[in-house]
Amino acid sequence: MSKLLHIDSSILGGNSVSRQLTAQIVASWRASHPATEVSYLDLAADAPSHLSANSLGFRLPAGSALSEVQQRENAVSEALVTQFLAADVIVVGAPLYNFSIPSQLKAWIDRVAQVGRTFSYTDKGPVGLAGGKTVIVASSRGGMYSTSEAGNATEHQESYLKVVFGFFGITDLRFVRAEGLAMGEAAKTSALAAAELEIKAVATPAANQPEAALAA
């Protein structure tokens, strides 16, 4: 039985397009992979705190003396990285907030980015330790960013997630994008229709297209 981790990070609740897309992706994946076990993480409702002196305990040498607060924070980080590493498929809802990702999602990334767990450093540079997974990102945007050089230069949402998951050793990274959502009802309708087609492409057994083609 494969395991799927479903992550949402939008603060918009029922009005969120990224949440709508992740739900559709998970439903489509389960229809094609009925033996999949799904776990859910809502970072808008239950986000880890941002990194601080107390939450950096997992980066200290083994056997270091930790305060009670550090131990509690360590337990949070351990639970999140264990959940991530156990998943075969990760579906991430990532809306564009101020040209980047929600801070809640960044806080989660900071907790799972652990030396010796998701990556390591060698004499030849960093090596990802979390390969073999499929990551599907539901990317939602109010404006248009993929159709111009200026747009590509100002978005640090998809570009950042490509780098981070690639750093973890994940090469099967797929995007379902809905953009132009704030540019009128016609544009929104068109974006959602295009996203539905992408969901069919990325969430079925025949989804072998390269990520670059899906995100073009």
Protein backbone atom coordinates (compact mmCIF):
# COMPACT_ATOMS: atom_id res chain seq x y z
CA MET A 1 0.00 0.00 0.00
CA SER A 2 1.41 3.38 -1.00
CA LYS A 3 1.12 6.45 1.20
CA LEU A 4 0.03 9.91 0.08
CA LEU A 5 0.56 13.06 2.16
CA HIS A 6 -1.98 15.78 1.33
CA ILE A 7 -0.84 19.26 2.42
CA ASP A 8 -2.83 22.50 2.24
CA SER A 9 -1.42 25.91 3.14
CA SER A 10 -3.97 28.46 1.90
CA ILE A 11 -5.57 30.67 4.55
CA LEU A 12 -8.75 31.13 2.48
CA GLY A 13 -10.62 28.00 3.59
CA GLY A 14 -13.54 27.15 1.33
CA ASN A 15 -12.69 30.04 -0.99
CA SER A 16 -9.24 28.65 -1.77
CA VAL A 17 -8.51 27.51 -5.31
CA SER A 18 -5.37 25.64 -4.26
CA ARG A 19 -7.42 23.65 -1.74
CA GLN A 20 -9.95 22.87 -4.45
CA LEU A 21 -7.16 21.66 -6.72
CA THR A 22 -5.42 19.50 -4.09
CA ALA A 23 -8.72 17.83 -3.26
CA GLN A 24 -9.26 17.05 -6.94
CA ILE A 25 -5.70 15.77 -7.33
CA VAL A 26 -6.01 13.46 -4.33
CA ALA A 27 -9.40 12.17 -5.48
CA SER A 28 -8.04 11.51 -8.98
CA TRP A 29 -4.94 9.81 -7.61
CA ARG A 30 -6.98 7.56 -5.33
CA ALA A 31 -9.28 6.64 -8.22
CA SER A 32 -6.24 5.47 -10.19
CA HIS A 33 -4.41 4.05 -7.15
CA PRO A 34 -7.18 2.66 -4.90
CA ALA A 35 -4.76 1.10 -2.40
CA THR A 36 -3.37 4.52 -1.44
CA GLU A 37 -3.43 5.50 2.24
CA VAL A 38 -3.94 9.25 2.67
CA SER A 39 -2.84 11.46 5.56
CA TYR A 40 -3.72 15.16 5.73
CA LEU A 41 -1.86 18.21 6.99
CA ASP A 42 -3.55 21.61 7.09
CA LEU A 43 -0.78 24.12 7.67
CA ALA A 44 -3.15 27.07 7.89
CA ALA A 45 -4.82 25.42 10.89
CA ASP A 46 -1.82 23.68 12.43
CA ALA A 47 1.48 25.14 11.25
CA PRO A 48 4.73 24.57 13.12
CA SER A 49 6.30 27.68 14.58
CA HIS A 50 8.99 29.37 12.55
CA LEU A 51 12.55 28.40 13.29
CA SER A 52 13.97 29.89 16.46
CA ALA A 53 16.72 29.13 18.98
CA ASN A 54 14.31 26.69 20.62
CA SER A 55 13.33 24.86 17.43
CA LEU A 56 16.86 24.31 16.12
CA GLY A 57 17.48 21.35 18.41
CA PHE A 58 17.35 18.86 15.54
CA ARG A 59 20.44 20.55 14.09
CA LEU A 60 22.51 20.10 17.24
CA PRO A 61 24.92 17.18 17.66
CA ALA A 62 23.42 13.98 19.01
CA GLY A 63 23.46 13.88 22.79
CA SER A 64 23.29 17.67 23.21
CA ALA A 65 21.50 18.86 26.35
CA LEU A 66 18.08 20.26 25.39
CA SER A 67 15.63 22.28 27.42
CA GLU A 68 12.03 21.13 27.81
CA VAL A 69 10.94 23.65 25.18
CA GLN A 70 13.60 22.42 22.77
CA GLN A 71 12.53 18.84 23.35
CA ARG A 72 8.92 19.72 22.53
CA GLU A 73 9.99 21.55 19.39
CA ASN A 74 12.20 18.60 18.44
CA ALA A 75 9.20 16.31 18.72
CA VAL A 76 7.28 18.53 16.29
CA SER A 77 10.12 18.48 13.77
CA GLU A 78 10.57 14.74 14.16
CA ALA A 79 6.88 14.05 13.57
CA LEU A 80 6.83 16.20 10.43
CA VAL A 81 9.99 14.78 8.85
CA THR A 82 8.93 11.22 9.67
CA GLN A 83 5.53 11.82 8.06
CA PHE A 84 7.19 13.31 4.98
CA LEU A 85 9.74 10.52 4.59
CA ALA A 86 7.04 7.85 4.97
CA ALA A 87 5.02 9.26 2.06
CA ASP A 88 5.41 7.94 -1.47
CA VAL A 89 3.37 10.81 -2.93
CA ILE A 90 3.06 14.36 -1.59
CA VAL A 91 0.34 16.69 -2.87
CA VAL A 92 1.04 20.30 -1.89
CA GLY A 93 -1.34 23.22 -2.16
CA ALA A 94 0.85 26.29 -2.72
CA PRO A 95 -0.89 29.59 -3.46
CA LEU A 96 1.23 32.57 -4.49
CA TYR A 97 1.44 35.07 -1.62
CA ASN A 98 3.41 38.24 -2.34
CA PHE A 99 5.44 36.54 -5.08
CA SER A 100 6.33 33.52 -2.92
CA ILE A 101 4.73 30.74 -0.85
CA PRO A 102 2.71 31.10 2.38
CA SER A 103 4.89 31.45 5.46
CA GLN A 104 3.09 28.42 6.92
CA LEU A 105 4.41 26.27 4.09
CA LYS A 106 7.89 27.73 4.50
CA ALA A 107 7.76 26.85 8.22
CA TRP A 108 6.96 23.23 7.31
CA ILE A 109 9.81 23.12 4.79
CA ASP A 110 12.22 24.46 7.42
CA ARG A 111 11.22 21.61 9.76
CA VAL A 112 11.69 18.82 7.21
CA ALA A 113 14.93 20.22 5.76
CA GLN A 114 17.17 18.19 8.06
CA VAL A 115 20.77 17.13 7.52
CA GLY A 116 20.97 13.36 7.57
CA ARG A 117 17.24 12.95 6.99
CA THR A 118 16.29 14.74 3.76
CA PHE A 119 19.75 15.80 2.56
CA SER A 120 23.43 15.49 3.42
CA TYR A 121 26.63 17.31 2.58
CA THR A 122 29.55 15.53 0.92
CA ASP A 123 32.93 16.58 -0.42
CA LYS A 124 31.19 17.01 -3.76
CA GLY A 125 28.33 19.11 -2.38
CA PRO A 126 24.81 18.42 -1.10
CA VAL A 127 23.02 15.17 -1.85
CA GLY A 128 19.28 14.65 -1.50
CA LEU A 129 18.14 11.73 0.65
CA ALA A 130 14.40 11.76 -0.08
CA GLY A 131 14.41 10.58 -3.69
CA GLY A 132 11.93 8.16 -5.18
CA LYS A 133 8.89 10.24 -4.24
CA THR A 134 6.33 11.94 -6.44
CA VAL A 135 5.45 15.53 -5.53
CA ILE A 136 2.44 17.22 -7.12
CA VAL A 137 2.10 20.95 -6.46
CA ALA A 138 -1.22 22.74 -6.90
CA SER A 139 -0.10 26.25 -7.79
CA SER A 140 -2.65 29.09 -7.72
CA ARG A 141 -2.00 32.69 -8.75
CA GLY A 142 -4.10 35.81 -9.06
CA GLY A 143 -2.05 37.13 -11.97
CA MET A 144 -0.21 35.73 -14.96
CA TYR A 145 3.41 34.78 -14.34
CA SER A 146 4.22 31.91 -16.69
CA THR A 147 3.69 33.73 -19.97
CA SER A 148 6.44 36.38 -19.85
CA GLU A 149 10.04 36.83 -18.78
CA ALA A 150 8.97 39.56 -16.35
CA GLY A 151 6.44 37.22 -14.77
CA ASN A 152 8.94 34.39 -14.48
CA ALA A 153 11.43 36.76 -12.86
CA THR A 154 9.00 37.92 -10.18
CA GLU A 155 7.56 34.61 -9.02
CA HIS A 156 9.41 32.78 -6.26
CA GLN A 157 6.74 30.17 -5.64
CA GLU A 158 7.12 27.40 -8.20
CA SER A 159 10.79 28.23 -8.75
CA TYR A 160 11.50 27.94 -5.02
CA LEU A 161 9.63 24.65 -4.65
CA LYS A 162 11.53 23.18 -7.60
CA VAL A 163 14.80 24.02 -5.88
CA VAL A 164 13.76 22.78 -2.43
CA PHE A 165 12.29 19.45 -3.50
CA GLY A 166 15.16 18.96 -5.92
CA PHE A 167 17.57 19.60 -3.03
CA PHE A 168 15.82 16.78 -1.17
CA GLY A 169 16.59 14.48 -4.12
CA ILE A 170 13.08 14.44 -5.59
CA THR A 171 13.11 14.36 -9.39
CA ASP A 172 9.45 13.50 -10.05
CA LEU A 173 7.97 16.95 -9.45
CA ARG A 174 4.71 17.85 -11.20
CA PHE A 175 2.73 21.10 -11.24
CA VAL A 176 -0.96 21.78 -11.68
CA ARG A 177 -1.31 25.50 -12.23
CA ALA A 178 -4.26 27.88 -12.15
CA GLU A 179 -3.23 31.47 -12.78
CA GLY A 180 -4.97 34.69 -13.73
CA LEU A 181 -7.60 33.92 -11.07
CA ALA A 182 -8.05 37.60 -10.15
CA MET A 183 -8.31 38.79 -13.75
CA GLY A 184 -12.05 38.34 -14.21
CA GLU A 185 -14.51 35.46 -14.26
CA ALA A 186 -13.67 34.42 -17.82
CA ALA A 187 -9.97 34.13 -16.99
CA LYS A 188 -10.73 32.22 -13.79
CA THR A 189 -13.04 29.79 -15.58
CA SER A 190 -10.40 29.19 -18.25
CA ALA A 191 -7.69 28.67 -15.62
CA LEU A 192 -9.74 26.12 -13.69
CA ALA A 193 -10.60 24.23 -16.87
CA ALA A 194 -6.93 24.06 -17.82
CA ALA A 195 -6.04 22.89 -14.31
CA GLU A 196 -8.58 20.06 -14.52
CA LEU A 197 -6.88 18.79 -17.67
CA GLU A 198 -3.50 18.95 -15.95
CA ILE A 199 -4.89 16.97 -13.01
CA LYS A 200 -5.90 14.18 -15.37
CA ALA A 201 -2.38 14.21 -16.79
CA VAL A 202 -0.46 14.16 -13.49
CA ALA A 203 -2.66 11.95 -11.31
CA THR A 204 -3.07 8.87 -13.49
CA PRO A 205 -0.72 5.91 -14.10
CA ALA A 206 0.02 7.25 -17.57
CA ALA A 207 1.40 10.50 -16.14
CA ASN A 208 4.95 10.22 -17.42
CA GLN A 209 5.32 13.69 -18.87
CA PRO A 210 8.28 15.75 -17.67
CA GLU A 211 7.48 18.45 -15.15
CA ALA A 212 8.82 21.16 -17.42
CA ALA A 213 6.19 20.36 -20.05
CA LEU A 214 3.37 20.40 -17.50
CA ALA A 215 4.43 23.74 -16.10
CA ALA A 216 5.03 25.40 -19.46
